[in-house]
C-alpha atoms as a PDB file:
ATOM      1  CA  MET A   1     194.695 125.873-135.499  1.00  0.00           C
ATOM      2  CA  VAL A   2     197.372 124.114-137.499  1.00  0.00           C
ATOM      3  CA  LEU A   3     196.284 120.858-139.142  1.00  0.00           C
ATOM      4  CA  GLU A   4     198.590 118.148-140.352  1.00  0.00           C
ATOM      5  CA  THR A   5     196.901 115.258-142.207  1.00  0.00           C
ATOM      6  CA  ASN A   6     193.736 115.683-140.128  1.00  0.00           C
ATOM      7  CA  LYS A   7     195.692 115.532-136.864  1.00  0.00           C
ATOM      8  CA  ILE A   8     195.674 118.410-134.433  1.00  0.00           C
ATOM      9  CA  LYS A   9     199.270 119.524-134.117  1.00  0.00           C
ATOM     10  CA  LYS A  10     198.606 122.456-131.817  1.00  0.00           C
ATOM     11  CA  VAL A  11     195.172 123.045-130.376  1.00  0.00           C
ATOM     12  CA  ASP A  12     194.131 126.677-130.595  1.00  0.00           C
ATOM     13  CA  MET A  13     190.389 125.877-130.662  1.00  0.00           C
ATOM     14  CA  ASN A  14     188.288 123.993-128.195  1.00  0.00           C
ATOM     15  CA  ILE A  15     186.571 120.771-129.205  1.00  0.00           C
ATOM     16  CA  VAL A  16     183.199 122.472-129.777  1.00  0.00           C
ATOM     17  CA  GLU A  17     184.792 124.781-132.375  1.00  0.00           C
ATOM     18  CA  VAL A  18     186.473 121.796-134.051  1.00  0.00           C
ATOM     19  CA  ILE A  19     183.136 119.955-134.236  1.00  0.00           C
ATOM     20  CA  LYS A  20     181.410 123.024-135.715  1.00  0.00           C
ATOM     21  CA  ARG A  21     184.087 123.178-138.405  1.00  0.00           C
ATOM     22  CA  ASP A  22     183.867 119.442-139.111  1.00  0.00           C
ATOM     23  CA  TYR A  23     180.076 119.601-139.515  1.00  0.00           C
ATOM     24  CA  LYS A  24     180.470 122.499-141.943  1.00  0.00           C
ATOM     25  CA  ASN A  25     183.088 120.560-143.991  1.00  0.00           C
ATOM     26  CA  PHE A  26     181.407 117.140-143.747  1.00  0.00           C
ATOM     27  CA  PRO A  27     182.357 114.644-145.078  1.00  0.00           C
ATOM     28  CA  HIS A  28     185.696 116.195-146.100  1.00  0.00           C
ATOM     29  CA  ASN A  29     188.631 117.233-143.918  1.00  0.00           C
ATOM     30  CA  GLN A  30     187.313 115.663-140.749  1.00  0.00           C
ATOM     31  CA  THR A  31     189.423 115.986-137.600  1.00  0.00           C
ATOM     32  CA  TYR A  32     189.711 112.341-136.561  1.00  0.00           C
ATOM     33  CA  SER A  33     192.209 113.163-133.821  1.00  0.00           C
ATOM     34  CA  ILE A  34     189.353 114.334-131.571  1.00  0.00           C
ATOM     35  CA  TYR A  35     188.163 110.703-131.313  1.00  0.00           C
ATOM     36  CA  GLY A  36     189.497 107.967-129.065  1.00  0.00           C
ATOM     37  CA  GLU A  37     190.990 104.926-130.816  1.00  0.00           C
ATOM     38  CA  ASN A  38     188.173 102.672-129.614  1.00  0.00           C
ATOM     39  CA  VAL A  39     185.332 105.177-130.094  1.00  0.00           C
ATOM     40  CA  ARG A  40     181.874 103.630-130.168  1.00  0.00           C
ATOM     41  CA  PHE A  41     179.605 104.760-132.984  1.00  0.00           C
ATOM     42  CA  LYS A  42     175.903 103.904-133.048  1.00  0.00           C
ATOM     43  CA  ASP A  43     172.995 105.049-135.154  1.00  0.00           C
ATOM     44  CA  PRO A  44     169.866 103.249-136.431  1.00  0.00           C
ATOM     45  CA  ILE A  45     171.982 101.419-139.051  1.00  0.00           C
ATOM     46  CA  TYR A  46     175.506 101.032-137.644  1.00  0.00           C
ATOM     47  CA  ASP A  47     176.870  99.936-134.271  1.00  0.00           C
ATOM     48  CA  PHE A  48     180.618  99.399-133.969  1.00  0.00           C
ATOM     49  CA  ASN A  49     183.783 100.356-132.117  1.00  0.00           C
ATOM     50  CA  GLY A  50     187.012 101.775-133.459  1.00  0.00           C
ATOM     51  CA  LEU A  51     188.326 104.916-135.099  1.00  0.00           C
ATOM     52  CA  LYS A  52     189.391 103.014-138.228  1.00  0.00           C
ATOM     53  CA  ARG A  53     185.830 101.694-138.732  1.00  0.00           C
ATOM     54  CA  TYR A  54     184.482 105.219-138.173  1.00  0.00           C
ATOM     55  CA  GLN A  55     186.790 106.556-140.888  1.00  0.00           C
ATOM     56  CA  GLU A  56     185.729 103.700-143.207  1.00  0.00           C
ATOM     57  CA  MET A  57     182.052 104.549-142.646  1.00  0.00           C
ATOM     58  CA  ILE A  58     182.695 108.186-143.610  1.00  0.00           C
ATOM     59  CA  GLY A  59     184.598 106.934-146.666  1.00  0.00           C
ATOM     60  CA  PHE A  60     181.644 104.715-147.633  1.00  0.00           C
ATOM     61  CA  LEU A  61     179.239 107.654-147.401  1.00  0.00           C
ATOM     62  CA  THR A  62     181.563 109.785-149.506  1.00  0.00           C
ATOM     63  CA  LYS A  63     181.904 107.084-152.173  1.00  0.00           C
ATOM     64  CA  TRP A  64     178.222 106.183-152.569  1.00  0.00           C
ATOM     65  CA  PHE A  65     176.243 109.341-151.871  1.00  0.00           C
ATOM     66  CA  LYS A  66     176.398 112.631-153.749  1.00  0.00           C
ATOM     67  CA  ASN A  67     176.086 116.169-152.403  1.00  0.00           C
ATOM     68  CA  LEU A  68     176.402 115.156-148.756  1.00  0.00           C
ATOM     69  CA  LYS A  69     175.567 118.017-146.427  1.00  0.00           C
ATOM     70  CA  LEU A  70     175.446 118.162-142.643  1.00  0.00           C
ATOM     71  CA  ASP A  71     173.724 121.244-141.239  1.00  0.00           C
ATOM     72  CA  LEU A  72     174.378 121.921-137.554  1.00  0.00           C
ATOM     73  CA  HIS A  73     171.368 123.531-135.862  1.00  0.00           C
ATOM     74  CA  GLN A  74     172.487 123.449-132.250  1.00  0.00           C
ATOM     75  CA  ILE A  75     175.503 122.457-130.158  1.00  0.00           C
ATOM     76  CA  SER A  76     175.979 122.491-126.394  1.00  0.00           C
ATOM     77  CA  ARG A  77     178.471 121.083-123.960  1.00  0.00           C
ATOM     78  CA  THR A  78     178.488 119.854-120.410  1.00  0.00           C
ATOM     79  CA  LYS A  79     181.689 118.641-118.745  1.00  0.00           C
ATOM     80  CA  GLU A  80     181.473 115.093-120.141  1.00  0.00           C
ATOM     81  CA  GLN A  81     179.207 115.395-123.183  1.00  0.00           C
ATOM     82  CA  ILE A  82     178.538 117.431-126.314  1.00  0.00           C
ATOM     83  CA  ASP A  83     175.018 117.406-127.739  1.00  0.00           C
ATOM     84  CA  THR A  84     174.249 118.404-131.309  1.00  0.00           C
ATOM     85  CA  LYS A  85     171.091 118.764-133.400  1.00  0.00           C
ATOM     86  CA  TRP A  86     171.535 118.446-137.146  1.00  0.00           C
ATOM     87  CA  THR A  87     170.110 117.590-140.550  1.00  0.00           C
ATOM     88  CA  MET A  88     172.025 115.416-142.979  1.00  0.00           C
ATOM     89  CA  SER A  89     171.009 115.307-146.627  1.00  0.00           C
ATOM     90  CA  TRP A  90     172.319 113.650-149.773  1.00  0.00           C
ATOM     91  CA  ASN A  91     171.425 112.378-153.215  1.00  0.00           C
ATOM     92  CA  SER A  92     171.131 108.605-153.417  1.00  0.00           C
ATOM     93  CA  PRO A  93     172.862 106.705-156.242  1.00  0.00           C
ATOM     94  CA  LEU A  94     169.616 105.697-157.930  1.00  0.00           C
ATOM     95  CA  PRO A  95     168.954 106.748-161.540  1.00  0.00           C
ATOM     96  CA  TRP A  96     166.527 109.503-160.430  1.00  0.00           C
ATOM     97  CA  GLN A  97     168.930 110.616-157.638  1.00  0.00           C
ATOM     98  CA  PRO A  98     166.362 111.379-154.934  1.00  0.00           C
ATOM     99  CA  ARG A  99     167.329 113.952-152.299  1.00  0.00           C
ATOM    100  CA  ILE A 100     167.159 112.304-148.877  1.00  0.00           C
ATOM    101  CA  SER A 101     167.063 114.172-145.583  1.00  0.00           C
ATOM    102  CA  VAL A 102     167.396 112.958-142.010  1.00  0.00           C
ATOM    103  CA  SER A 103     167.234 115.201-138.953  1.00  0.00           C
ATOM    104  CA  GLY A 104     168.462 114.029-135.599  1.00  0.00           C
ATOM    105  CA  ARG A 105     170.709 114.576-132.660  1.00  0.00           C
ATOM    106  CA  SER A 106     174.064 113.255-131.462  1.00  0.00           C
ATOM    107  CA  GLU A 107     175.418 112.564-127.996  1.00  0.00           C
ATOM    108  CA  LEU A 108     179.206 112.743-127.958  1.00  0.00           C
ATOM    109  CA  LYS A 109     180.644 111.457-124.675  1.00  0.00           C
ATOM    110  CA  LEU A 110     184.116 112.736-123.730  1.00  0.00           C
ATOM    111  CA  ASP A 111     186.928 111.249-121.688  1.00  0.00           C
ATOM    112  CA  GLU A 112     189.166 113.211-119.302  1.00  0.00           C
ATOM    113  CA  ASN A 113     191.336 114.314-122.248  1.00  0.00           C
ATOM    114  CA  ASP A 114     188.356 115.708-124.211  1.00  0.00           C
ATOM    115  CA  LEU A 115     188.505 112.851-126.715  1.00  0.00           C
ATOM    116  CA  ILE A 116     185.188 111.554-128.028  1.00  0.00           C
ATOM    117  CA  ILE A 117     184.779 107.993-126.787  1.00  0.00           C
ATOM    118  CA  SER A 118     181.134 107.510-127.770  1.00  0.00           C
ATOM    119  CA  HIS A 119     179.168 109.012-130.678  1.00  0.00           C
ATOM    120  CA  ILE A 120     175.511 108.002-130.636  1.00  0.00           C
ATOM    121  CA  ASP A 121     173.093 109.374-133.244  1.00  0.00           C
ATOM    122  CA  TYR A 122     169.325 109.452-132.801  1.00  0.00           C
ATOM    123  CA  TRP A 123     167.205 110.062-135.885  1.00  0.00           C
ATOM    124  CA  ASP A 124     163.926 111.976-135.785  1.00  0.00           C
ATOM    125  CA  CYS A 125     162.469 109.465-138.254  1.00  0.00           C
ATOM    126  CA  SER A 126     162.558 105.717-138.775  1.00  0.00           C
ATOM    127  CA  VAL A 127     164.817 103.822-141.150  1.00  0.00           C
ATOM    128  CA  TRP A 128     161.641 102.924-143.045  1.00  0.00           C
ATOM    129  CA  ASN A 129     160.915 106.642-143.535  1.00  0.00           C
ATOM    130  CA  VAL A 130     164.379 107.087-145.050  1.00  0.00           C
ATOM    131  CA  ILE A 131     163.773 104.177-147.425  1.00  0.00           C
ATOM    132  CA  ARG A 132     160.380 105.654-148.446  1.00  0.00           C
ATOM    133  CA  GLN A 133     162.035 108.971-149.309  1.00  0.00           C
ATOM    134  CA  HIS A 134     163.786 107.160-152.156  1.00  0.00           C
ATOM    135  CA  PHE A 135     160.474 106.420-153.854  1.00  0.00           C
ATOM    136  CA  PHE A 136     157.859 108.971-152.720  1.00  0.00           C
END
């Protein structure tokens, strides 16, 4: 696959392979061209539409959190959806830099052109649990 400023110039890989690579590289060198312009993103904290806002959210994570890592445990595809199971971890910007970890799953809905039009994350823990990890 040839990449040009995170755009797919010529697709030699299918979207599942691109997603696997993006998870491995997260949050750097993400392939934003696999998302529709008005993609919906939702998780327990965020809920918005738009590729630009999605890119800004990734930029925010990169700026504020250290040692971001996204481990992909499972990925499967049906015609209209890709499902992933993952664990994301990072060090928070507190003086003691606690290591935070959240496991969950994502549902990525695809349009007829194999663009992701909806990315919904479900966490295996509550937001309160994530906050508690900063102190206990």
